[in-house]
Amino acid sequence: MENSRFTLRIHPLLIKKLKVMANTNGRSLNKEIEQILKWVVDDFENKRGRIRQEEIDLIENPSKKMKPMAKRTAEETNKILSDALFKLS
């Protein structure tokens, strides 16, 4: 799969700090930012549930309607709530 290009404007001090992080982790600045974004997406999906292809399609083609999301089981809901409570303590 070909990578997409995206222009990002970031405060110069933040770029410098990201460069230090990238150097410490043995990555290029680009790969460091990509890794951080992967962590953020993983965290989002762990809290909310997987991002479905239909949701991605809706962003790319807003005129399409999305099917309703399947309900979570009580066990899934309890796990999400307990994870959230654990992070608060």
PDB file of N, CA and C in Angstrom:
ATOM      1  N   MET A   1       0.836  -1.171   0.000  1.00  0.00           N
ATOM      2  CA  MET A   1       0.000   0.000   0.000  1.00  0.00           C
ATOM      3  C   MET A   1       0.886   1.240   0.000  1.00  0.00           C
ATOM      4  N   GLU A   2       0.574   2.167  -0.866  1.00  0.00           N
ATOM      5  CA  GLU A   2       1.341   3.406  -0.965  1.00  0.00           C
ATOM      6  C   GLU A   2       0.992   4.328   0.198  1.00  0.00           C
ATOM      7  N   ASN A   3       2.003   4.955   0.792  1.00  0.00           N
ATOM      8  CA  ASN A   3       1.767   5.903   1.879  1.00  0.00           C
ATOM      9  C   ASN A   3       1.160   7.190   1.351  1.00  0.00           C
ATOM     10  N   SER A   4       0.284   7.778   2.150  1.00  0.00           N
ATOM     11  CA  SER A   4      -0.306   9.071   1.807  1.00  0.00           C
ATOM     12  C   SER A   4       0.588  10.184   2.329  1.00  0.00           C
ATOM     13  N   ARG A   5       0.555  11.298   1.639  1.00  0.00           N
ATOM     14  CA  ARG A   5       1.305  12.474   2.088  1.00  0.00           C
ATOM     15  C   ARG A   5       0.339  13.444   2.752  1.00  0.00           C
ATOM     16  N   PHE A   6       0.820  14.074   3.832  1.00  0.00           N
ATOM     17  CA  PHE A   6      -0.016  15.002   4.571  1.00  0.00           C
ATOM     18  C   PHE A   6       0.881  16.093   5.136  1.00  0.00           C
ATOM     19  N   THR A   7       0.555  17.347   4.851  1.00  0.00           N
ATOM     20  CA  THR A   7       1.316  18.470   5.378  1.00  0.00           C
ATOM     21  C   THR A   7       0.815  18.771   6.784  1.00  0.00           C
ATOM     22  N   LEU A   8       1.749  18.888   7.716  1.00  0.00           N
ATOM     23  CA  LEU A   8       1.400  19.116   9.113  1.00  0.00           C
ATOM     24  C   LEU A   8       2.194  20.306   9.633  1.00  0.00           C
ATOM     25  N   ARG A   9       1.491  21.261  10.213  1.00  0.00           N
ATOM     26  CA  ARG A   9       2.165  22.413  10.805  1.00  0.00           C
ATOM     27  C   ARG A   9       2.263  22.184  12.308  1.00  0.00           C
ATOM     28  N   ILE A  10       3.502  22.208  12.812  1.00  0.00           N
ATOM     29  CA  ILE A  10       3.755  21.935  14.224  1.00  0.00           C
ATOM     30  C   ILE A  10       4.659  23.032  14.788  1.00  0.00           C
ATOM     31  N   HIS A  11       4.406  23.387  16.030  1.00  0.00           N
ATOM     32  CA  HIS A  11       5.214  24.401  16.712  1.00  0.00           C
ATOM     33  C   HIS A  11       6.690  23.959  16.694  1.00  0.00           C
ATOM     34  N   PRO A  12       7.624  24.899  16.441  1.00  0.00           N
ATOM     35  CA  PRO A  12       9.053  24.540  16.343  1.00  0.00           C
ATOM     36  C   PRO A  12       9.612  23.832  17.583  1.00  0.00           C
ATOM     37  N   LEU A  13       9.178  24.220  18.778  1.00  0.00           N
ATOM     38  CA  LEU A  13       9.673  23.565  19.985  1.00  0.00           C
ATOM     39  C   LEU A  13       9.209  22.107  20.042  1.00  0.00           C
ATOM     40  N   LEU A  14       7.983  21.862  19.636  1.00  0.00           N
ATOM     41  CA  LEU A  14       7.474  20.497  19.615  1.00  0.00           C
ATOM     42  C   LEU A  14       8.255  19.640  18.615  1.00  0.00           C
ATOM     43  N   ILE A  15       8.580  20.204  17.468  1.00  0.00           N
ATOM     44  CA  ILE A  15       9.381  19.476  16.469  1.00  0.00           C
ATOM     45  C   ILE A  15      10.742  19.099  17.063  1.00  0.00           C
ATOM     46  N   LYS A  16      11.366  20.049  17.759  1.00  0.00           N
ATOM     47  CA  LYS A  16      12.679  19.770  18.363  1.00  0.00           C
ATOM     48  C   LYS A  16      12.579  18.629  19.373  1.00  0.00           C
ATOM     49  N   LYS A  17      11.528  18.644  20.184  1.00  0.00           N
ATOM     50  CA  LYS A  17      11.347  17.586  21.178  1.00  0.00           C
ATOM     51  C   LYS A  17      11.066  16.244  20.502  1.00  0.00           C
ATOM     52  N   LEU A  18      10.260  16.267  19.443  1.00  0.00           N
ATOM     53  CA  LEU A  18       9.992  15.042  18.699  1.00  0.00           C
ATOM     54  C   LEU A  18      11.269  14.489  18.059  1.00  0.00           C
ATOM     55  N   LYS A  19      12.150  15.372  17.611  1.00  0.00           N
ATOM     56  CA  LYS A  19      13.424  14.931  17.032  1.00  0.00           C
ATOM     57  C   LYS A  19      14.282  14.239  18.078  1.00  0.00           C
ATOM     58  N   VAL A  20      14.268  14.753  19.314  1.00  0.00           N
ATOM     59  CA  VAL A  20      15.012  14.102  20.400  1.00  0.00           C
ATOM     60  C   VAL A  20      14.432  12.712  20.660  1.00  0.00           C
ATOM     61  N   MET A  21      13.098  12.632  20.721  1.00  0.00           N
ATOM     62  CA  MET A  21      12.442  11.337  20.925  1.00  0.00           C
ATOM     63  C   MET A  21      12.797  10.366  19.806  1.00  0.00           C
ATOM     64  N   ALA A  22      12.717  10.840  18.562  1.00  0.00           N
ATOM     65  CA  ALA A  22      13.012   9.991  17.409  1.00  0.00           C
ATOM     66  C   ALA A  22      14.452   9.484  17.469  1.00  0.00           C
ATOM     67  N   ASN A  23      15.363  10.370  17.787  1.00  0.00           N
ATOM     68  CA  ASN A  23      16.775   9.990  17.871  1.00  0.00           C
ATOM     69  C   ASN A  23      16.988   8.954  18.972  1.00  0.00           C
ATOM     70  N   THR A  24      16.349   9.156  20.110  1.00  0.00           N
ATOM     71  CA  THR A  24      16.458   8.218  21.228  1.00  0.00           C
ATOM     72  C   THR A  24      15.912   6.842  20.852  1.00  0.00           C
ATOM     73  N   ASN A  25      14.851   6.830  20.051  1.00  0.00           N
ATOM     74  CA  ASN A  25      14.200   5.581  19.653  1.00  0.00           C
ATOM     75  C   ASN A  25      14.761   4.995  18.356  1.00  0.00           C
ATOM     76  N   GLY A  26      15.762   5.650  17.778  1.00  0.00           N
ATOM     77  CA  GLY A  26      16.388   5.133  16.561  1.00  0.00           C
ATOM     78  C   GLY A  26      15.494   5.225  15.337  1.00  0.00           C
ATOM     79  N   ARG A  27      14.637   6.251  15.303  1.00  0.00           N
ATOM     80  CA  ARG A  27      13.718   6.430  14.172  1.00  0.00           C
ATOM     81  C   ARG A  27      13.947   7.794  13.533  1.00  0.00           C
ATOM     82  N   SER A  28      13.455   7.908  12.303  1.00  0.00           N
ATOM     83  CA  SER A  28      13.405   9.226  11.669  1.00  0.00           C
ATOM     84  C   SER A  28      12.261  10.005  12.328  1.00  0.00           C
ATOM     85  N   LEU A  29      12.250  11.294  12.163  1.00  0.00           N
ATOM     86  CA  LEU A  29      11.170  12.118  12.712  1.00  0.00           C
ATOM     87  C   LEU A  29       9.831  11.665  12.145  1.00  0.00           C
ATOM     88  N   ASN A  30       9.793  11.398  10.859  1.00  0.00           N
ATOM     89  CA  ASN A  30       8.563  10.946  10.213  1.00  0.00           C
ATOM     90  C   ASN A  30       8.050   9.641  10.834  1.00  0.00           C
ATOM     91  N   LYS A  31       8.951   8.670  11.020  1.00  0.00           N
ATOM     92  CA  LYS A  31       8.554   7.376  11.596  1.00  0.00           C
ATOM     93  C   LYS A  31       8.144   7.522  13.058  1.00  0.00           C
ATOM     94  N   GLU A  32       8.781   8.429  13.782  1.00  0.00           N
ATOM     95  CA  GLU A  32       8.405   8.663  15.183  1.00  0.00           C
ATOM     96  C   GLU A  32       6.980   9.212  15.264  1.00  0.00           C
ATOM     97  N   ILE A  33       6.663  10.186  14.419  1.00  0.00           N
ATOM     98  CA  ILE A  33       5.311  10.754  14.398  1.00  0.00           C
ATOM     99  C   ILE A  33       4.309   9.672  13.993  1.00  0.00           C
ATOM    100  N   GLU A  34       4.661   8.854  13.003  1.00  0.00           N
ATOM    101  CA  GLU A  34       3.766   7.773  12.570  1.00  0.00           C
ATOM    102  C   GLU A  34       3.520   6.786  13.711  1.00  0.00           C
ATOM    103  N   GLN A  35       4.564   6.431  14.471  1.00  0.00           N
ATOM    104  CA  GLN A  35       4.414   5.505  15.594  1.00  0.00           C
ATOM    105  C   GLN A  35       3.507   6.101  16.673  1.00  0.00           C
ATOM    106  N   ILE A  36       3.693   7.375  16.974  1.00  0.00           N
ATOM    107  CA  ILE A  36       2.850   8.038  17.978  1.00  0.00           C
ATOM    108  C   ILE A  36       1.390   8.026  17.526  1.00  0.00           C
ATOM    109  N   LEU A  37       1.152   8.301  16.254  1.00  0.00           N
ATOM    110  CA  LEU A  37      -0.216   8.279  15.726  1.00  0.00           C
ATOM    111  C   LEU A  37      -0.817   6.881  15.817  1.00  0.00           C
ATOM    112  N   LYS A  38      -0.018   5.842  15.566  1.00  0.00           N
ATOM    113  CA  LYS A  38      -0.511   4.460  15.704  1.00  0.00           C
ATOM    114  C   LYS A  38      -0.934   4.195  17.144  1.00  0.00           C
ATOM    115  N   TRP A  39      -0.131   4.661  18.115  1.00  0.00           N
ATOM    116  CA  TRP A  39      -0.486   4.473  19.526  1.00  0.00           C
ATOM    117  C   TRP A  39      -1.798   5.177  19.855  1.00  0.00           C
ATOM    118  N   VAL A  40      -1.980   6.377  19.322  1.00  0.00           N
ATOM    119  CA  VAL A  40      -3.200   7.137  19.583  1.00  0.00           C
ATOM    120  C   VAL A  40      -4.415   6.417  18.989  1.00  0.00           C
ATOM    121  N   VAL A  41      -4.277   5.920  17.769  1.00  0.00           N
ATOM    122  CA  VAL A  41      -5.379   5.188  17.136  1.00  0.00           C
ATOM    123  C   VAL A  41      -5.686   3.913  17.921  1.00  0.00           C
ATOM    124  N   ASP A  42      -4.652   3.175  18.333  1.00  0.00           N
ATOM    125  CA  ASP A  42      -4.865   1.964  19.135  1.00  0.00           C
ATOM    126  C   ASP A  42      -5.603   2.282  20.432  1.00  0.00           C
ATOM    127  N   ASP A  43      -5.199   3.348  21.101  1.00  0.00           N
ATOM    128  CA  ASP A  43      -5.845   3.758  22.347  1.00  0.00           C
ATOM    129  C   ASP A  43      -7.314   4.115  22.101  1.00  0.00           C
ATOM    130  N   PHE A  44      -7.565   4.865  21.036  1.00  0.00           N
ATOM    131  CA  PHE A  44      -8.934   5.246  20.663  1.00  0.00           C
ATOM    132  C   PHE A  44      -9.792   4.012  20.427  1.00  0.00           C
ATOM    133  N   GLU A  45      -9.250   3.055  19.656  1.00  0.00           N
ATOM    134  CA  GLU A  45     -10.013   1.849  19.330  1.00  0.00           C
ATOM    135  C   GLU A  45     -10.203   0.950  20.559  1.00  0.00           C
ATOM    136  N   ASN A  46      -9.240   0.934  21.456  1.00  0.00           N
ATOM    137  CA  ASN A  46      -9.392   0.142  22.684  1.00  0.00           C
ATOM    138  C   ASN A  46     -10.502   0.701  23.570  1.00  0.00           C
ATOM    139  N   LYS A  47     -10.676   2.011  23.548  1.00  0.00           N
ATOM    140  CA  LYS A  47     -11.711   2.650  24.371  1.00  0.00           C
ATOM    141  C   LYS A  47     -13.079   2.609  23.702  1.00  0.00           C
ATOM    142  N   ARG A  48     -13.129   2.789  22.394  1.00  0.00           N
ATOM    143  CA  ARG A  48     -14.379   2.975  21.662  1.00  0.00           C
ATOM    144  C   ARG A  48     -14.808   1.770  20.848  1.00  0.00           C
ATOM    145  N   GLY A  49     -13.851   0.957  20.486  1.00  0.00           N
ATOM    146  CA  GLY A  49     -14.108  -0.141  19.563  1.00  0.00           C
ATOM    147  C   GLY A  49     -13.440   0.159  18.228  1.00  0.00           C
ATOM    148  N   ARG A  50     -13.226  -0.883  17.467  1.00  0.00           N
ATOM    149  CA  ARG A  50     -12.553  -0.748  16.171  1.00  0.00           C
ATOM    150  C   ARG A  50     -13.260   0.252  15.271  1.00  0.00           C
ATOM    151  N   ILE A  51     -12.473   1.011  14.537  1.00  0.00           N
ATOM    152  CA  ILE A  51     -13.019   1.906  13.518  1.00  0.00           C
ATOM    153  C   ILE A  51     -13.387   1.025  12.333  1.00  0.00           C
ATOM    154  N   ARG A  52     -14.646   1.043  11.971  1.00  0.00           N
ATOM    155  CA  ARG A  52     -15.131   0.189  10.886  1.00  0.00           C
ATOM    156  C   ARG A  52     -14.846   0.817   9.525  1.00  0.00           C
ATOM    157  N   GLN A  53     -14.733  -0.033   8.529  1.00  0.00           N
ATOM    158  CA  GLN A  53     -14.508   0.449   7.163  1.00  0.00           C
ATOM    159  C   GLN A  53     -15.628   1.387   6.735  1.00  0.00           C
ATOM    160  N   GLU A  54     -16.847   1.124   7.187  1.00  0.00           N
ATOM    161  CA  GLU A  54     -17.980   1.996   6.841  1.00  0.00           C
ATOM    162  C   GLU A  54     -17.764   3.412   7.364  1.00  0.00           C
ATOM    163  N   GLU A  55     -17.148   3.538   8.542  1.00  0.00           N
ATOM    164  CA  GLU A  55     -16.870   4.864   9.102  1.00  0.00           C
ATOM    165  C   GLU A  55     -15.821   5.589   8.276  1.00  0.00           C
ATOM    166  N   ILE A  56     -14.822   4.853   7.831  1.00  0.00           N
ATOM    167  CA  ILE A  56     -13.790   5.441   6.972  1.00  0.00           C
ATOM    168  C   ILE A  56     -14.409   5.883   5.656  1.00  0.00           C
ATOM    169  N   ASP A  57     -15.255   5.016   5.087  1.00  0.00           N
ATOM    170  CA  ASP A  57     -15.928   5.353   3.828  1.00  0.00           C
ATOM    171  C   ASP A  57     -16.790   6.595   3.983  1.00  0.00           C
ATOM    172  N   LEU A  58     -17.441   6.736   5.139  1.00  0.00           N
ATOM    173  CA  LEU A  58     -18.306   7.896   5.388  1.00  0.00           C
ATOM    174  C   LEU A  58     -17.494   9.192   5.398  1.00  0.00           C
ATOM    175  N   ILE A  59     -16.299   9.136   5.965  1.00  0.00           N
ATOM    176  CA  ILE A  59     -15.419  10.316   5.987  1.00  0.00           C
ATOM    177  C   ILE A  59     -14.997  10.670   4.560  1.00  0.00           C
ATOM    178  N   GLU A  60     -14.680   9.647   3.780  1.00  0.00           N
ATOM    179  CA  GLU A  60     -14.228   9.876   2.407  1.00  0.00           C
ATOM    180  C   GLU A  60     -15.372  10.232   1.465  1.00  0.00           C
ATOM    181  N   ASN A  61     -16.579   9.743   1.753  1.00  0.00           N
ATOM    182  CA  ASN A  61     -17.770  10.010   0.933  1.00  0.00           C
ATOM    183  C   ASN A  61     -18.943  10.355   1.851  1.00  0.00           C
ATOM    184  N   PRO A  62     -19.014  11.609   2.332  1.00  0.00           N
ATOM    185  CA  PRO A  62     -20.025  11.974   3.330  1.00  0.00           C
ATOM    186  C   PRO A  62     -21.472  11.799   2.857  1.00  0.00           C
ATOM    187  N   SER A  63     -21.708  11.689   1.573  1.00  0.00           N
ATOM    188  CA  SER A  63     -23.081  11.552   1.077  1.00  0.00           C
ATOM    189  C   SER A  63     -23.647  10.152   1.343  1.00  0.00           C
ATOM    190  N   LYS A  64     -22.771   9.174   1.609  1.00  0.00           N
ATOM    191  CA  LYS A  64     -23.228   7.813   1.898  1.00  0.00           C
ATOM    192  C   LYS A  64     -23.782   7.746   3.318  1.00  0.00           C
ATOM    193  N   LYS A  65     -24.761   6.881   3.520  1.00  0.00           N
ATOM    194  CA  LYS A  65     -25.302   6.671   4.859  1.00  0.00           C
ATOM    195  C   LYS A  65     -24.627   5.461   5.478  1.00  0.00           C
ATOM    196  N   MET A  66     -24.436   5.519   6.787  1.00  0.00           N
ATOM    197  CA  MET A  66     -23.776   4.430   7.490  1.00  0.00           C
ATOM    198  C   MET A  66     -24.803   3.536   8.172  1.00  0.00           C
ATOM    199  N   LYS A  67     -24.527   2.230   8.178  1.00  0.00           N
ATOM    200  CA  LYS A  67     -25.395   1.287   8.881  1.00  0.00           C
ATOM    201  C   LYS A  67     -25.241   1.498  10.387  1.00  0.00           C
ATOM    202  N   PRO A  68     -26.292   1.241  11.154  1.00  0.00           N
ATOM    203  CA  PRO A  68     -26.160   1.372  12.604  1.00  0.00           C
ATOM    204  C   PRO A  68     -25.112   0.404  13.148  1.00  0.00           C
ATOM    205  N   MET A  69     -24.420   0.838  14.186  1.00  0.00           N
ATOM    206  CA  MET A  69     -23.380   0.023  14.797  1.00  0.00           C
ATOM    207  C   MET A  69     -24.013  -1.060  15.670  1.00  0.00           C
ATOM    208  N   ALA A  70     -23.438  -2.248  15.629  1.00  0.00           N
ATOM    209  CA  ALA A  70     -23.948  -3.343  16.456  1.00  0.00           C
ATOM    210  C   ALA A  70     -23.767  -2.996  17.926  1.00  0.00           C
ATOM    211  N   LYS A  71     -24.730  -3.393  18.751  1.00  0.00           N
ATOM    212  CA  LYS A  71     -24.646  -3.106  20.180  1.00  0.00           C
ATOM    213  C   LYS A  71     -23.559  -3.954  20.818  1.00  0.00           C
ATOM    214  N   ARG A  72     -22.919  -3.368  21.827  1.00  0.00           N
ATOM    215  CA  ARG A  72     -21.915  -4.102  22.580  1.00  0.00           C
ATOM    216  C   ARG A  72     -22.601  -5.034  23.568  1.00  0.00           C
ATOM    217  N   THR A  73     -21.924  -6.127  23.882  1.00  0.00           N
ATOM    218  CA  THR A  73     -22.439  -7.024  24.914  1.00  0.00           C
ATOM    219  C   THR A  73     -22.194  -6.364  26.270  1.00  0.00           C
ATOM    220  N   ALA A  74     -22.887  -6.833  27.292  1.00  0.00           N
ATOM    221  CA  ALA A  74     -22.702  -6.302  28.645  1.00  0.00           C
ATOM    222  C   ALA A  74     -21.258  -6.501  29.093  1.00  0.00           C
ATOM    223  N   GLU A  75     -20.665  -7.629  28.709  1.00  0.00           N
ATOM    224  CA  GLU A  75     -19.268  -7.903  29.077  1.00  0.00           C
ATOM    225  C   GLU A  75     -18.321  -6.886  28.446  1.00  0.00           C
ATOM    226  N   GLU A  76     -18.543  -6.566  27.165  1.00  0.00           N
ATOM    227  CA  GLU A  76     -17.701  -5.568  26.483  1.00  0.00           C
ATOM    228  C   GLU A  76     -17.850  -4.198  27.134  1.00  0.00           C
ATOM    229  N   THR A  77     -19.084  -3.812  27.449  1.00  0.00           N
ATOM    230  CA  THR A  77     -19.340  -2.518  28.097  1.00  0.00           C
ATOM    231  C   THR A  77     -18.667  -2.462  29.457  1.00  0.00           C
ATOM    232  N   ASN A  78     -18.786  -3.531  30.251  1.00  0.00           N
ATOM    233  CA  ASN A  78     -18.162  -3.569  31.578  1.00  0.00           C
ATOM    234  C   ASN A  78     -16.646  -3.458  31.492  1.00  0.00           C
ATOM    235  N   LYS A  79     -16.045  -4.119  30.500  1.00  0.00           N
ATOM    236  CA  LYS A  79     -14.594  -4.038  30.335  1.00  0.00           C
ATOM    237  C   LYS A  79     -14.173  -2.612  30.005  1.00  0.00           C
ATOM    238  N   ILE A  80     -14.898  -1.944  29.119  1.00  0.00           N
ATOM    239  CA  ILE A  80     -14.589  -0.563  28.753  1.00  0.00           C
ATOM    240  C   ILE A  80     -14.690   0.332  29.980  1.00  0.00           C
ATOM    241  N   LEU A  81     -15.757   0.165  30.759  1.00  0.00           N
ATOM    242  CA  LEU A  81     -15.946   0.984  31.957  1.00  0.00           C
ATOM    243  C   LEU A  81     -14.876   0.716  33.002  1.00  0.00           C
ATOM    244  N   SER A  82     -14.539  -0.545  33.218  1.00  0.00           N
ATOM    245  CA  SER A  82     -13.526  -0.868  34.220  1.00  0.00           C
ATOM    246  C   SER A  82     -12.150  -0.346  33.776  1.00  0.00           C
ATOM    247  N   ASP A  83     -11.842  -0.432  32.490  1.00  0.00           N
ATOM    248  CA  ASP A  83     -10.588   0.118  31.976  1.00  0.00           C
ATOM    249  C   ASP A  83     -10.531   1.620  32.203  1.00  0.00           C
ATOM    250  N   ALA A  84     -11.647   2.307  31.951  1.00  0.00           N
ATOM    251  CA  ALA A  84     -11.708   3.756  32.139  1.00  0.00           C
ATOM    252  C   ALA A  84     -11.537   4.110  33.617  1.00  0.00           C
ATOM    253  N   LEU A  85     -12.180   3.363  34.504  1.00  0.00           N
ATOM    254  CA  LEU A  85     -12.064   3.621  35.940  1.00  0.00           C
ATOM    255  C   LEU A  85     -10.647   3.366  36.423  1.00  0.00           C
ATOM    256  N   PHE A  86     -10.026   2.290  35.905  1.00  0.00           N
ATOM    257  CA  PHE A  86      -8.662   1.968  36.296  1.00  0.00           C
ATOM    258  C   PHE A  86      -7.721   3.108  35.945  1.00  0.00           C
ATOM    259  N   LYS A  87      -7.916   3.733  34.787  1.00  0.00           N
ATOM    260  CA  LYS A  87      -7.041   4.812  34.343  1.00  0.00           C
ATOM    261  C   LYS A  87      -7.228   6.077  35.166  1.00  0.00           C
ATOM    262  N   LEU A  88      -8.405   6.231  35.814  1.00  0.00           N
ATOM    263  CA  LEU A  88      -8.667   7.410  36.633  1.00  0.00           C
ATOM    264  C   LEU A  88      -7.941   7.351  37.977  1.00  0.00           C
ATOM    265  N   SER A  89      -7.660   6.155  38.442  1.00  0.00           N
ATOM    266  CA  SER A  89      -7.045   6.037  39.767  1.00  0.00           C
ATOM    267  C   SER A  89      -5.550   6.220  39.735  1.00  0.00           C
TER     268      SER A  89
END
